[in-house]
């Protein structure tokens, strides 16, 4: 094999390698290309996610507001219960004193 044949063989091998690399690059770009429908679908999914997050934030806000209202009502009800229990305690004490007074005058 002389020098000319060697250079020609190397040139052909390099050309074939270039063509195979270009073909592989073309295949990769063809299969990994994002289509307009894929982009539209991703945009729709992003919008749906954004809407869901807004709805979640509104629900959390409403829940916190409702929880604050119920806590206020609970505090008010507990205060009313304490007042009622105190009134009942006083009424029982007063009834006991009246009973003792009546028993003392009935004997005497």
N, C-alpha and C. Protein backbone atom coordinates (compact mmCIF):
# COMPACT_ATOMS: atom_id res chain seq x y z
N UNK A 1 0.85 -1.15 0.00
CA UNK A 1 0.00 0.00 0.00
C UNK A 1 0.90 1.23 0.00
N UNK A 2 0.72 2.03 -1.02
CA UNK A 2 1.57 3.22 -1.12
C UNK A 2 0.93 4.40 -0.41
N UNK A 3 1.57 5.49 -0.45
CA UNK A 3 1.16 6.69 0.29
C UNK A 3 -0.18 7.21 -0.22
N UNK A 4 -0.44 7.23 -1.49
CA UNK A 4 -1.68 7.74 -2.07
C UNK A 4 -2.86 6.87 -1.67
N UNK A 5 -2.70 5.57 -1.70
CA UNK A 5 -3.77 4.67 -1.31
C UNK A 5 -4.08 4.83 0.19
N UNK A 6 -3.05 5.00 0.99
CA UNK A 6 -3.23 5.17 2.43
C UNK A 6 -4.01 6.45 2.72
N UNK A 7 -3.68 7.56 2.07
CA UNK A 7 -4.36 8.84 2.28
C UNK A 7 -5.80 8.72 1.79
N UNK A 8 -6.03 8.07 0.66
CA UNK A 8 -7.38 7.89 0.12
C UNK A 8 -8.21 7.04 1.07
N UNK A 9 -7.66 5.98 1.59
CA UNK A 9 -8.38 5.11 2.52
C UNK A 9 -8.75 5.87 3.80
N UNK A 10 -7.81 6.63 4.35
CA UNK A 10 -8.08 7.42 5.54
C UNK A 10 -9.15 8.47 5.24
N UNK A 11 -9.10 9.11 4.08
CA UNK A 11 -10.10 10.12 3.70
C UNK A 11 -11.48 9.49 3.59
N UNK A 12 -11.57 8.31 3.02
CA UNK A 12 -12.87 7.62 2.89
C UNK A 12 -13.40 7.23 4.27
N UNK A 13 -12.52 6.73 5.13
CA UNK A 13 -12.93 6.35 6.50
C UNK A 13 -13.42 7.59 7.26
N UNK A 14 -12.71 8.70 7.16
CA UNK A 14 -13.13 9.92 7.84
C UNK A 14 -14.45 10.45 7.28
N UNK A 15 -14.63 10.35 5.95
CA UNK A 15 -15.89 10.80 5.34
C UNK A 15 -17.05 9.94 5.82
N UNK A 16 -16.84 8.62 5.88
CA UNK A 16 -17.89 7.72 6.37
C UNK A 16 -18.20 8.02 7.84
N UNK A 17 -17.18 8.28 8.66
CA UNK A 17 -17.40 8.64 10.06
C UNK A 17 -18.19 9.95 10.17
N UNK A 18 -17.86 10.93 9.31
CA UNK A 18 -18.58 12.20 9.31
C UNK A 18 -20.04 11.98 8.94
N UNK A 19 -20.30 11.19 7.90
CA UNK A 19 -21.68 10.93 7.46
C UNK A 19 -22.45 10.20 8.55
N UNK A 20 -21.84 9.21 9.20
CA UNK A 20 -22.51 8.48 10.28
C UNK A 20 -22.80 9.41 11.47
N UNK A 21 -21.86 10.28 11.80
CA UNK A 21 -22.09 11.23 12.90
C UNK A 21 -23.19 12.22 12.58
N UNK A 22 -23.20 12.70 11.34
CA UNK A 22 -24.26 13.62 10.94
C UNK A 22 -25.61 12.94 10.97
N UNK A 23 -25.68 11.69 10.49
CA UNK A 23 -26.93 10.93 10.48
C UNK A 23 -27.41 10.68 11.92
N UNK A 24 -26.49 10.33 12.82
CA UNK A 24 -26.85 10.11 14.22
C UNK A 24 -27.36 11.41 14.85
N UNK A 25 -26.72 12.52 14.55
CA UNK A 25 -27.16 13.81 15.06
C UNK A 25 -28.55 14.16 14.55
N UNK A 26 -28.79 13.89 13.27
CA UNK A 26 -30.11 14.16 12.69
C UNK A 26 -31.18 13.31 13.36
N UNK A 27 -30.88 12.02 13.61
CA UNK A 27 -31.85 11.13 14.28
C UNK A 27 -32.16 11.62 15.70
N UNK A 28 -31.14 12.00 16.43
CA UNK A 28 -31.34 12.47 17.81
C UNK A 28 -32.19 13.73 17.81
N UNK A 29 -31.88 14.66 16.92
CA UNK A 29 -32.67 15.90 16.89
C UNK A 29 -34.10 15.64 16.43
N UNK A 30 -34.29 14.68 15.55
CA UNK A 30 -35.64 14.36 15.07
C UNK A 30 -36.49 13.77 16.20
N UNK A 31 -35.91 12.86 16.98
CA UNK A 31 -36.67 12.20 18.04
C UNK A 31 -36.80 13.03 19.31
N UNK A 32 -35.89 13.95 19.52
CA UNK A 32 -35.97 14.74 20.75
C UNK A 32 -36.59 16.11 20.52
N UNK A 33 -37.07 16.38 19.34
CA UNK A 33 -37.67 17.67 19.03
C UNK A 33 -39.01 17.79 19.76
N UNK A 34 -39.25 18.96 20.30
CA UNK A 34 -40.50 19.24 20.99
C UNK A 34 -41.47 19.85 19.99
N UNK A 35 -42.66 19.24 19.90
CA UNK A 35 -43.64 19.73 18.94
C UNK A 35 -44.49 20.82 19.57
N UNK A 36 -45.22 21.54 18.74
CA UNK A 36 -46.09 22.61 19.23
C UNK A 36 -47.18 22.06 20.13
N UNK A 37 -47.68 20.87 19.81
CA UNK A 37 -48.73 20.29 20.65
C UNK A 37 -48.18 19.94 22.03
N UNK A 38 -46.91 19.50 22.10
CA UNK A 38 -46.30 19.23 23.40
C UNK A 38 -46.16 20.51 24.21
N UNK A 39 -45.76 21.57 23.56
CA UNK A 39 -45.61 22.86 24.24
C UNK A 39 -46.97 23.36 24.72
N UNK A 40 -47.99 23.21 23.89
CA UNK A 40 -49.34 23.64 24.27
C UNK A 40 -49.84 22.82 25.45
N UNK A 41 -49.56 21.53 25.42
CA UNK A 41 -49.98 20.67 26.52
C UNK A 41 -49.27 21.06 27.82
N UNK A 42 -47.99 21.36 27.73
CA UNK A 42 -47.26 21.80 28.91
C UNK A 42 -47.79 23.12 29.44
N UNK A 43 -48.14 24.04 28.54
CA UNK A 43 -48.71 25.32 28.97
C UNK A 43 -50.06 25.11 29.65
N UNK A 44 -50.88 24.20 29.11
CA UNK A 44 -52.17 23.90 29.73
C UNK A 44 -51.98 23.30 31.12
N UNK A 45 -51.01 22.40 31.24
CA UNK A 45 -50.75 21.79 32.54
C UNK A 45 -50.24 22.83 33.53
N UNK A 46 -49.41 23.74 33.07
CA UNK A 46 -48.90 24.80 33.95
C UNK A 46 -50.03 25.71 34.41
N UNK A 47 -50.95 26.03 33.50
CA UNK A 47 -52.09 26.88 33.86
C UNK A 47 -53.00 26.16 34.85
N UNK A 48 -53.23 24.87 34.62
CA UNK A 48 -54.07 24.10 35.54
C UNK A 48 -53.41 24.03 36.93
N UNK A 49 -52.10 23.85 36.96
CA UNK A 49 -51.39 23.83 38.24
C UNK A 49 -51.49 25.17 38.95
N UNK A 50 -51.35 26.25 38.19
CA UNK A 50 -51.46 27.58 38.77
C UNK A 50 -52.86 27.80 39.34
N UNK A 51 -53.89 27.41 38.61
CA UNK A 51 -55.27 27.55 39.09
C UNK A 51 -55.49 26.72 40.35
N UNK A 52 -54.95 25.50 40.36
CA UNK A 52 -55.11 24.64 41.54
C UNK A 52 -54.42 25.25 42.75
N UNK A 53 -53.25 25.84 42.55
CA UNK A 53 -52.56 26.49 43.67
C UNK A 53 -53.33 27.68 44.19
N UNK A 54 -53.94 28.45 43.30
CA UNK A 54 -54.77 29.59 43.74
C UNK A 54 -55.97 29.10 44.53
N UNK A 55 -56.61 28.04 44.05
CA UNK A 55 -57.77 27.50 44.76
C UNK A 55 -57.36 26.98 46.14
N UNK A 56 -56.19 26.32 46.22
CA UNK A 56 -55.69 25.83 47.49
C UNK A 56 -55.43 26.98 48.45
N UNK A 57 -54.82 28.05 47.94
CA UNK A 57 -54.55 29.21 48.79
C UNK A 57 -55.84 29.84 49.30
N UNK A 58 -56.85 29.92 48.44
CA UNK A 58 -58.14 30.46 48.86
C UNK A 58 -58.78 29.56 49.91
N UNK A 59 -58.69 28.23 49.71
CA UNK A 59 -59.26 27.29 50.67
C UNK A 59 -58.56 27.40 52.02
N UNK A 60 -57.25 27.52 52.01
CA UNK A 60 -56.50 27.65 53.26
C UNK A 60 -56.88 28.95 53.96
N UNK A 61 -57.00 30.02 53.20
CA UNK A 61 -57.38 31.31 53.78
C UNK A 61 -58.79 31.23 54.40
N UNK A 62 -59.71 30.61 53.68
CA UNK A 62 -61.08 30.46 54.19
C UNK A 62 -61.08 29.60 55.44
N UNK A 63 -60.29 28.53 55.44
CA UNK A 63 -60.23 27.65 56.60
C UNK A 63 -59.67 28.40 57.81
N UNK A 64 -58.65 29.21 57.62
CA UNK A 64 -58.07 29.96 58.73
C UNK A 64 -59.07 30.98 59.27
N UNK A 65 -59.80 31.63 58.37
CA UNK A 65 -60.80 32.59 58.80
C UNK A 65 -61.90 31.89 59.58
N UNK A 66 -62.35 30.76 59.09
CA UNK A 66 -63.41 30.00 59.76
C UNK A 66 -62.92 29.50 61.12
N UNK A 67 -61.68 29.06 61.18
CA UNK A 67 -61.11 28.59 62.44
C UNK A 67 -61.05 29.71 63.47
N UNK A 68 -60.71 30.92 63.02
CA UNK A 68 -60.67 32.07 63.94
C UNK A 68 -62.08 32.38 64.45
N UNK A 69 -63.08 32.32 63.56
CA UNK A 69 -64.46 32.56 63.98
C UNK A 69 -64.90 31.53 65.02
N UNK A 70 -64.60 30.26 64.74
CA UNK A 70 -65.02 29.19 65.66
C UNK A 70 -64.28 29.29 66.99
N UNK A 71 -63.04 29.70 66.97
CA UNK A 71 -62.30 29.88 68.22
C UNK A 71 -62.93 31.00 69.05
N UNK A 72 -63.33 32.07 68.40
CA UNK A 72 -64.01 33.16 69.10
C UNK A 72 -65.33 32.70 69.70
N UNK A 73 -66.10 31.93 68.92
CA UNK A 73 -67.37 31.42 69.43
C UNK A 73 -67.14 30.47 70.60
N UNK A 74 -66.10 29.65 70.52
CA UNK A 74 -65.80 28.72 71.60
C UNK A 74 -65.43 29.48 72.87
N UNK A 75 -64.62 30.51 72.74
CA UNK A 75 -64.23 31.31 73.91
C UNK A 75 -65.45 31.96 74.54
N UNK A 76 -66.33 32.49 73.69
CA UNK A 76 -67.54 33.13 74.21
C UNK A 76 -68.43 32.10 74.91
N UNK A 77 -68.57 30.93 74.34
CA UNK A 77 -69.41 29.89 74.94
C UNK A 77 -68.81 29.42 76.26
N UNK A 78 -67.49 29.28 76.32
CA UNK A 78 -66.84 28.88 77.57
C UNK A 78 -67.05 29.94 78.65
N UNK A 79 -66.99 31.21 78.28
CA UNK A 79 -67.21 32.29 79.25
C UNK A 79 -68.66 32.24 79.75
N UNK A 80 -69.61 32.01 78.85
CA UNK A 80 -71.01 31.91 79.26
C UNK A 80 -71.22 30.71 80.17
N UNK A 81 -70.53 29.59 79.86
CA UNK A 81 -70.65 28.40 80.70
C UNK A 81 -70.10 28.66 82.11
N UNK A 82 -68.95 29.33 82.18
CA UNK A 82 -68.39 29.65 83.51
C UNK A 82 -69.35 30.54 84.30
N UNK A 83 -69.95 31.53 83.61
CA UNK A 83 -70.89 32.42 84.29
C UNK A 83 -72.12 31.64 84.76
N UNK A 84 -72.61 30.74 83.93
CA UNK A 84 -73.78 29.94 84.31
C UNK A 84 -73.45 29.02 85.48
N UNK A 85 -72.26 28.41 85.46
CA UNK A 85 -71.87 27.52 86.55
C UNK A 85 -71.71 28.31 87.86
N UNK A 86 -71.15 29.50 87.78
CA UNK A 86 -71.03 30.35 88.96
C UNK A 86 -72.40 30.73 89.50
N UNK A 87 -73.32 31.07 88.61
CA UNK A 87 -74.69 31.40 89.03
C UNK A 87 -75.37 30.20 89.66
N UNK A 88 -75.18 29.02 89.10
CA UNK A 88 -75.77 27.81 89.66
C UNK A 88 -75.18 27.52 91.04
N UNK A 89 -73.87 27.70 91.18
CA UNK A 89 -73.22 27.48 92.47
C UNK A 89 -73.79 28.43 93.53
N UNK A 90 -73.97 29.69 93.15
CA UNK A 90 -74.54 30.67 94.09
C UNK A 90 -75.97 30.31 94.44
N UNK A 91 -76.74 29.85 93.44
CA UNK A 91 -78.13 29.48 93.71
C UNK A 91 -78.21 28.28 94.63
N UNK A 92 -77.33 27.30 94.44
CA UNK A 92 -77.32 26.13 95.34
C UNK A 92 -76.93 26.54 96.76
N UNK A 93 -75.95 27.41 96.85
CA UNK A 93 -75.53 27.88 98.18
C UNK A 93 -76.67 28.63 98.86
N UNK A 94 -77.34 29.47 98.11
CA UNK A 94 -78.47 30.23 98.66
C UNK A 94 -79.60 29.29 99.06
N UNK A 95 -79.88 28.26 98.23
CA UNK A 95 -80.95 27.30 98.56
C UNK A 95 -80.58 26.52 99.81
N UNK A 96 -79.30 26.18 99.95
CA UNK A 96 -78.85 25.46 101.15
C UNK A 96 -79.02 26.34 102.39
N UNK A 97 -78.68 27.61 102.28
CA UNK A 97 -78.84 28.52 103.42
C UNK A 97 -80.31 28.67 103.78
N UNK A 98 -81.18 28.78 102.76
CA UNK A 98 -82.62 28.89 103.04
C UNK A 98 -83.16 27.62 103.68
N UNK A 99 -82.68 26.48 103.22
CA UNK A 99 -83.12 25.20 103.79
C UNK A 99 -82.71 25.12 105.25
N UNK A 100 -81.46 25.50 105.53
CA UNK A 100 -80.98 25.49 106.92
C UNK A 100 -81.78 26.47 107.78
N UNK A 101 -82.10 27.62 107.24
CA UNK A 101 -82.87 28.63 107.96
C UNK A 101 -84.28 28.11 108.27
N UNK A 102 -84.88 27.47 107.26
CA UNK A 102 -86.25 26.93 107.47
C UNK A 102 -86.22 25.80 108.50
N UNK A 103 -85.23 24.91 108.41
CA UNK A 103 -85.13 23.83 109.37
C UNK A 103 -84.90 24.37 110.79
N UNK A 104 -84.10 25.42 110.89
CA UNK A 104 -83.81 25.99 112.21
C UNK A 104 -85.07 26.64 112.80
N UNK A 105 -85.89 27.31 112.00
CA UNK A 105 -87.10 27.94 112.51
C UNK A 105 -88.21 26.92 112.71
N UNK A 106 -88.16 25.83 111.98
CA UNK A 106 -89.19 24.80 112.16
C UNK A 106 -88.95 24.08 113.49
N UNK A 107 -87.74 23.92 113.92
CA UNK A 107 -87.41 23.25 115.16
C UNK A 107 -87.63 24.19 116.35
N UNK A 108 -87.41 25.45 116.10
CA UNK A 108 -87.41 26.40 117.19
C UNK A 108 -88.68 27.08 117.40
